[in-house]
């Protein structure tokens, strides 16, 4: 990483967070991993900063906002994936009734995605 000022690191961190979101939306996992690695390095460098100039506080607020947006995107997407997997794991055939009104369990294992052809 090239040495720079705190302002330069903050601007680059903001840009990396925005790139991270775009790579996520494009499902570009290689670029996303690279961006996350760079983001981690920038955060380590910025962790040693104890005081920000007034002009840098606005950039820091933008970084906080954009990072929270990314976190919400990741959390919402994970929830959607979990709901989808639950849907595909539910029974596809309900239990029925026999001729004498007793419950009959279906012979189907209930998984739309069973791994079998």
N, C-alpha and C. Protein backbone atom coordinates (compact mmCIF):
# COMPACT_ATOMS: atom_id res chain seq x y z
N UNK A 1 0.85 -1.17 0.00
CA UNK A 1 0.00 0.00 0.00
C UNK A 1 0.90 1.23 0.00
N UNK A 2 0.56 2.21 -0.79
CA UNK A 2 1.33 3.44 -0.91
C UNK A 2 1.01 4.34 0.28
N UNK A 3 2.07 4.93 0.85
CA UNK A 3 1.88 5.84 1.98
C UNK A 3 1.15 7.09 1.51
N UNK A 4 0.29 7.62 2.36
CA UNK A 4 -0.47 8.81 2.02
C UNK A 4 -0.96 9.50 3.27
N UNK A 5 -1.76 10.50 3.07
CA UNK A 5 -2.33 11.23 4.20
C UNK A 5 -3.59 10.53 4.68
N UNK A 6 -4.05 10.92 5.84
CA UNK A 6 -5.30 10.37 6.37
C UNK A 6 -6.44 10.64 5.41
N UNK A 7 -6.46 11.82 4.83
CA UNK A 7 -7.51 12.17 3.87
C UNK A 7 -7.49 11.22 2.67
N UNK A 8 -6.29 10.93 2.16
CA UNK A 8 -6.17 10.01 1.02
C UNK A 8 -6.69 8.62 1.38
N UNK A 9 -6.35 8.15 2.58
CA UNK A 9 -6.83 6.83 3.01
C UNK A 9 -8.34 6.81 3.17
N UNK A 10 -8.90 7.87 3.71
CA UNK A 10 -10.36 7.93 3.87
C UNK A 10 -11.07 7.94 2.53
N UNK A 11 -10.56 8.71 1.59
CA UNK A 11 -11.17 8.77 0.26
C UNK A 11 -11.09 7.40 -0.41
N UNK A 12 -9.94 6.74 -0.29
CA UNK A 12 -9.79 5.42 -0.90
C UNK A 12 -10.71 4.41 -0.23
N UNK A 13 -10.86 4.49 1.09
CA UNK A 13 -11.76 3.58 1.81
C UNK A 13 -13.19 3.78 1.34
N UNK A 14 -13.62 5.01 1.17
CA UNK A 14 -14.97 5.29 0.66
C UNK A 14 -15.15 4.66 -0.72
N UNK A 15 -14.14 4.84 -1.58
CA UNK A 15 -14.23 4.29 -2.93
C UNK A 15 -14.26 2.76 -2.92
N UNK A 16 -13.48 2.15 -2.04
CA UNK A 16 -13.45 0.68 -1.96
C UNK A 16 -14.80 0.15 -1.48
N UNK A 17 -15.42 0.84 -0.53
CA UNK A 17 -16.74 0.41 -0.04
C UNK A 17 -17.78 0.49 -1.16
N UNK A 18 -17.71 1.53 -1.97
CA UNK A 18 -18.63 1.65 -3.10
C UNK A 18 -18.36 0.57 -4.14
N UNK A 19 -17.08 0.28 -4.39
CA UNK A 19 -16.72 -0.79 -5.33
C UNK A 19 -17.21 -2.14 -4.80
N UNK A 20 -17.07 -2.34 -3.49
CA UNK A 20 -17.50 -3.58 -2.86
C UNK A 20 -18.98 -3.85 -3.15
N UNK A 21 -19.81 -2.82 -3.05
CA UNK A 21 -21.24 -2.98 -3.33
C UNK A 21 -21.47 -3.35 -4.79
N UNK A 22 -20.77 -2.68 -5.69
CA UNK A 22 -20.95 -2.97 -7.12
C UNK A 22 -20.49 -4.39 -7.46
N UNK A 23 -19.38 -4.83 -6.88
CA UNK A 23 -18.91 -6.20 -7.12
C UNK A 23 -19.91 -7.21 -6.58
N UNK A 24 -20.53 -6.89 -5.45
CA UNK A 24 -21.53 -7.76 -4.87
C UNK A 24 -22.74 -7.88 -5.79
N UNK A 25 -23.21 -6.75 -6.29
CA UNK A 25 -24.38 -6.77 -7.18
C UNK A 25 -24.08 -7.51 -8.47
N UNK A 26 -22.82 -7.43 -8.93
CA UNK A 26 -22.44 -8.12 -10.17
C UNK A 26 -22.02 -9.57 -9.92
N UNK A 27 -22.01 -9.99 -8.64
CA UNK A 27 -21.57 -11.33 -8.24
C UNK A 27 -20.15 -11.63 -8.70
N UNK A 28 -19.29 -10.60 -8.70
CA UNK A 28 -17.88 -10.73 -9.07
C UNK A 28 -17.10 -11.05 -7.80
N UNK A 29 -17.02 -12.33 -7.46
CA UNK A 29 -16.47 -12.75 -6.18
C UNK A 29 -14.97 -12.50 -6.08
N UNK A 30 -14.23 -12.64 -7.15
CA UNK A 30 -12.78 -12.39 -7.13
C UNK A 30 -12.50 -10.93 -6.81
N UNK A 31 -13.16 -10.02 -7.51
CA UNK A 31 -12.97 -8.60 -7.27
C UNK A 31 -13.48 -8.21 -5.89
N UNK A 32 -14.57 -8.83 -5.44
CA UNK A 32 -15.11 -8.56 -4.11
C UNK A 32 -14.10 -8.96 -3.04
N UNK A 33 -13.48 -10.12 -3.20
CA UNK A 33 -12.48 -10.57 -2.23
C UNK A 33 -11.29 -9.61 -2.20
N UNK A 34 -10.85 -9.16 -3.37
CA UNK A 34 -9.74 -8.20 -3.43
C UNK A 34 -10.12 -6.88 -2.75
N UNK A 35 -11.34 -6.41 -2.99
CA UNK A 35 -11.80 -5.17 -2.37
C UNK A 35 -11.89 -5.31 -0.85
N UNK A 36 -12.36 -6.46 -0.40
CA UNK A 36 -12.48 -6.69 1.05
C UNK A 36 -11.09 -6.73 1.70
N UNK A 37 -10.14 -7.31 0.99
CA UNK A 37 -8.76 -7.35 1.50
C UNK A 37 -8.19 -5.94 1.61
N UNK A 38 -8.36 -5.15 0.56
CA UNK A 38 -7.88 -3.77 0.58
C UNK A 38 -8.59 -2.96 1.67
N UNK A 39 -9.87 -3.18 1.83
CA UNK A 39 -10.63 -2.48 2.87
C UNK A 39 -10.08 -2.81 4.25
N UNK A 40 -9.74 -4.06 4.48
CA UNK A 40 -9.15 -4.46 5.75
C UNK A 40 -7.82 -3.77 6.01
N UNK A 41 -6.99 -3.67 4.97
CA UNK A 41 -5.70 -2.99 5.11
C UNK A 41 -5.90 -1.52 5.43
N UNK A 42 -6.84 -0.88 4.74
CA UNK A 42 -7.10 0.54 4.99
C UNK A 42 -7.61 0.77 6.41
N UNK A 43 -8.46 -0.11 6.88
CA UNK A 43 -9.00 0.03 8.23
C UNK A 43 -7.88 -0.13 9.26
N UNK A 44 -6.95 -1.05 9.01
CA UNK A 44 -5.82 -1.21 9.93
C UNK A 44 -4.96 0.04 9.99
N UNK A 45 -4.74 0.67 8.85
CA UNK A 45 -3.94 1.90 8.81
C UNK A 45 -4.69 3.02 9.54
N UNK A 46 -5.99 3.13 9.27
CA UNK A 46 -6.78 4.22 9.86
C UNK A 46 -7.09 4.00 11.34
N UNK A 47 -6.89 2.79 11.83
CA UNK A 47 -7.16 2.51 13.24
C UNK A 47 -6.23 3.29 14.16
N UNK A 48 -5.09 3.71 13.64
CA UNK A 48 -4.10 4.44 14.44
C UNK A 48 -4.35 5.95 14.46
N UNK A 49 -5.31 6.41 13.68
CA UNK A 49 -5.62 7.84 13.64
C UNK A 49 -6.43 8.19 14.88
N UNK A 50 -5.98 9.20 15.60
CA UNK A 50 -6.67 9.59 16.83
C UNK A 50 -7.52 10.84 16.67
N UNK A 51 -7.19 11.70 15.68
CA UNK A 51 -7.92 12.94 15.51
C UNK A 51 -8.13 13.19 14.03
N UNK A 52 -9.34 13.61 13.67
CA UNK A 52 -9.67 13.92 12.28
C UNK A 52 -9.86 15.42 12.11
N UNK A 53 -9.45 15.91 10.96
CA UNK A 53 -9.73 17.30 10.61
C UNK A 53 -11.22 17.42 10.34
N UNK A 54 -11.73 18.65 10.38
CA UNK A 54 -13.16 18.88 10.15
C UNK A 54 -13.59 18.43 8.76
N UNK A 55 -12.75 18.64 7.76
CA UNK A 55 -13.12 18.23 6.39
C UNK A 55 -13.15 16.71 6.26
N UNK A 56 -12.35 16.00 7.07
CA UNK A 56 -12.34 14.54 7.01
C UNK A 56 -13.51 13.92 7.77
N UNK A 57 -14.12 14.65 8.67
CA UNK A 57 -15.26 14.12 9.42
C UNK A 57 -16.44 13.86 8.50
N UNK A 58 -16.61 14.70 7.49
CA UNK A 58 -17.69 14.48 6.52
C UNK A 58 -17.46 13.20 5.72
N UNK A 59 -16.23 12.97 5.32
CA UNK A 59 -15.90 11.73 4.59
C UNK A 59 -16.10 10.52 5.49
N UNK A 60 -15.71 10.65 6.77
CA UNK A 60 -15.89 9.54 7.72
C UNK A 60 -17.37 9.22 7.91
N UNK A 61 -18.21 10.25 7.95
CA UNK A 61 -19.65 10.02 8.06
C UNK A 61 -20.19 9.32 6.82
N UNK A 62 -19.70 9.70 5.66
CA UNK A 62 -20.10 9.04 4.41
C UNK A 62 -19.67 7.59 4.42
N UNK A 63 -18.45 7.33 4.89
CA UNK A 63 -17.94 5.95 4.97
C UNK A 63 -18.83 5.13 5.89
N UNK A 64 -19.19 5.66 7.04
CA UNK A 64 -20.05 4.95 7.99
C UNK A 64 -21.40 4.62 7.33
N UNK A 65 -21.97 5.61 6.64
CA UNK A 65 -23.27 5.42 6.00
C UNK A 65 -23.19 4.35 4.90
N UNK A 66 -22.19 4.44 4.04
CA UNK A 66 -22.08 3.49 2.93
C UNK A 66 -21.75 2.09 3.44
N UNK A 67 -20.96 2.00 4.49
CA UNK A 67 -20.63 0.69 5.04
C UNK A 67 -21.86 0.04 5.65
N UNK A 68 -22.71 0.85 6.29
CA UNK A 68 -23.97 0.32 6.83
C UNK A 68 -24.91 -0.12 5.71
N UNK A 69 -24.91 0.61 4.61
CA UNK A 69 -25.73 0.19 3.46
C UNK A 69 -25.27 -1.17 2.96
N UNK A 70 -23.95 -1.37 2.86
CA UNK A 70 -23.43 -2.66 2.41
C UNK A 70 -23.81 -3.76 3.40
N UNK A 71 -23.69 -3.46 4.69
CA UNK A 71 -24.04 -4.46 5.71
C UNK A 71 -25.52 -4.84 5.59
N UNK A 72 -26.38 -3.86 5.35
CA UNK A 72 -27.79 -4.16 5.18
C UNK A 72 -28.02 -5.01 3.93
N UNK A 73 -27.31 -4.69 2.85
CA UNK A 73 -27.42 -5.48 1.61
C UNK A 73 -27.04 -6.93 1.88
N UNK A 74 -25.92 -7.13 2.57
CA UNK A 74 -25.47 -8.50 2.85
C UNK A 74 -26.45 -9.23 3.76
N UNK A 75 -26.96 -8.55 4.78
CA UNK A 75 -27.89 -9.17 5.71
C UNK A 75 -29.21 -9.52 5.02
N UNK A 76 -29.73 -8.60 4.22
CA UNK A 76 -30.99 -8.85 3.51
C UNK A 76 -30.84 -9.99 2.51
N UNK A 77 -29.71 -10.03 1.83
CA UNK A 77 -29.47 -11.10 0.85
C UNK A 77 -29.36 -12.44 1.54
N UNK A 78 -28.66 -12.48 2.67
CA UNK A 78 -28.55 -13.73 3.41
C UNK A 78 -29.92 -14.21 3.88
N UNK A 79 -30.76 -13.29 4.35
CA UNK A 79 -32.11 -13.65 4.76
C UNK A 79 -32.93 -14.20 3.60
N UNK A 80 -32.78 -13.58 2.44
CA UNK A 80 -33.50 -14.05 1.25
C UNK A 80 -33.04 -15.45 0.87
N UNK A 81 -31.74 -15.70 0.95
CA UNK A 81 -31.21 -17.04 0.62
C UNK A 81 -31.74 -18.07 1.61
N UNK A 82 -31.77 -17.71 2.90
CA UNK A 82 -32.29 -18.64 3.90
C UNK A 82 -33.76 -18.96 3.65
N UNK A 83 -34.57 -17.94 3.34
CA UNK A 83 -35.99 -18.17 3.06
C UNK A 83 -36.16 -19.06 1.84
N UNK A 84 -35.34 -18.85 0.82
CA UNK A 84 -35.43 -19.67 -0.39
C UNK A 84 -35.09 -21.11 -0.08
N UNK A 85 -34.04 -21.33 0.72
CA UNK A 85 -33.66 -22.70 1.06
C UNK A 85 -34.73 -23.36 1.92
N UNK A 86 -35.37 -22.61 2.81
CA UNK A 86 -36.46 -23.17 3.61
C UNK A 86 -37.62 -23.57 2.71
N UNK A 87 -37.92 -22.74 1.72
CA UNK A 87 -39.01 -23.05 0.81
C UNK A 87 -38.73 -24.35 0.07
N UNK A 88 -37.51 -24.50 -0.44
CA UNK A 88 -37.19 -25.71 -1.19
C UNK A 88 -37.07 -26.93 -0.29
N UNK A 89 -36.94 -26.74 1.02
CA UNK A 89 -36.84 -27.85 1.94
C UNK A 89 -38.18 -28.31 2.48
N UNK A 90 -39.24 -27.55 2.21
CA UNK A 90 -40.55 -27.93 2.73
C UNK A 90 -41.13 -29.10 1.96
N UNK A 91 -42.10 -29.74 2.59
CA UNK A 91 -42.76 -30.88 1.95
C UNK A 91 -43.55 -30.41 0.74
N UNK A 92 -43.45 -31.17 -0.33
CA UNK A 92 -44.19 -30.83 -1.54
C UNK A 92 -45.53 -31.52 -1.60
N UNK A 93 -45.70 -32.57 -0.81
CA UNK A 93 -46.98 -33.29 -0.79
C UNK A 93 -47.44 -33.38 0.66
N UNK A 94 -48.65 -32.97 0.91
CA UNK A 94 -49.19 -33.00 2.27
C UNK A 94 -49.66 -34.40 2.60
N UNK A 95 -49.79 -34.65 3.88
CA UNK A 95 -50.34 -35.94 4.28
C UNK A 95 -51.82 -35.96 3.92
N UNK A 96 -52.33 -37.13 3.68
CA UNK A 96 -53.73 -37.26 3.28
C UNK A 96 -54.50 -38.13 4.26
N UNK A 97 -55.68 -38.50 3.83
CA UNK A 97 -56.54 -39.31 4.68
C UNK A 97 -56.82 -40.64 3.99
N UNK A 98 -56.92 -41.69 4.78
CA UNK A 98 -57.24 -43.01 4.23
C UNK A 98 -58.76 -43.14 4.13
N UNK A 99 -59.21 -44.29 3.64
CA UNK A 99 -60.64 -44.53 3.46
C UNK A 99 -61.39 -44.52 4.79
N UNK A 100 -60.71 -44.87 5.89
CA UNK A 100 -61.39 -44.87 7.19
C UNK A 100 -61.10 -43.59 7.99
N UNK A 101 -60.71 -42.51 7.31
CA UNK A 101 -60.49 -41.18 7.85
C UNK A 101 -59.24 -41.07 8.73
N UNK A 102 -58.33 -42.02 8.59
CA UNK A 102 -57.06 -41.94 9.31
C UNK A 102 -56.03 -41.17 8.49
N UNK A 103 -55.04 -40.59 9.16
CA UNK A 103 -53.99 -39.85 8.46
C UNK A 103 -53.04 -40.82 7.78
N UNK A 104 -52.68 -40.49 6.54
CA UNK A 104 -51.72 -41.29 5.77
C UNK A 104 -50.56 -40.38 5.41
N UNK A 105 -49.36 -40.78 5.82
CA UNK A 105 -48.17 -40.00 5.47
C UNK A 105 -47.82 -40.21 4.01
N UNK A 106 -47.40 -39.16 3.36
CA UNK A 106 -47.03 -39.29 1.96
C UNK A 106 -45.70 -40.00 1.84
N UNK A 107 -45.46 -40.59 0.71
CA UNK A 107 -44.22 -41.32 0.46
C UNK A 107 -43.13 -40.38 -0.07
N UNK A 108 -43.47 -39.13 -0.35
CA UNK A 108 -42.51 -38.18 -0.89
C UNK A 108 -41.67 -37.62 0.26
N UNK A 109 -40.35 -37.46 0.03
CA UNK A 109 -39.51 -36.97 1.10
C UNK A 109 -39.68 -35.47 1.33
N UNK A 110 -40.35 -34.77 0.41
CA UNK A 110 -40.68 -33.37 0.63
C UNK A 110 -39.68 -32.37 0.16
N UNK A 111 -38.59 -32.77 -0.39
CA UNK A 111 -37.58 -31.82 -0.81
C UNK A 111 -37.63 -31.65 -2.34
N UNK A 112 -37.79 -30.39 -2.76
CA UNK A 112 -37.73 -30.13 -4.18
C UNK A 112 -36.32 -30.32 -4.70
N UNK A 113 -35.34 -30.02 -3.86
CA UNK A 113 -33.94 -30.19 -4.22
C UNK A 113 -33.36 -31.32 -3.38
N UNK A 114 -33.52 -32.55 -3.86
CA UNK A 114 -33.07 -33.69 -3.08
C UNK A 114 -31.68 -34.15 -3.50
N UNK A 115 -31.18 -33.70 -4.63
CA UNK A 115 -29.88 -34.15 -5.11
C UNK A 115 -29.98 -35.38 -5.96
N UNK A 116 -31.19 -35.90 -6.15
CA UNK A 116 -31.38 -37.09 -6.98
C UNK A 116 -32.09 -36.73 -8.27
N UNK A 117 -31.81 -37.50 -9.27
CA UNK A 117 -32.45 -37.28 -10.57
C UNK A 117 -33.59 -38.25 -10.73
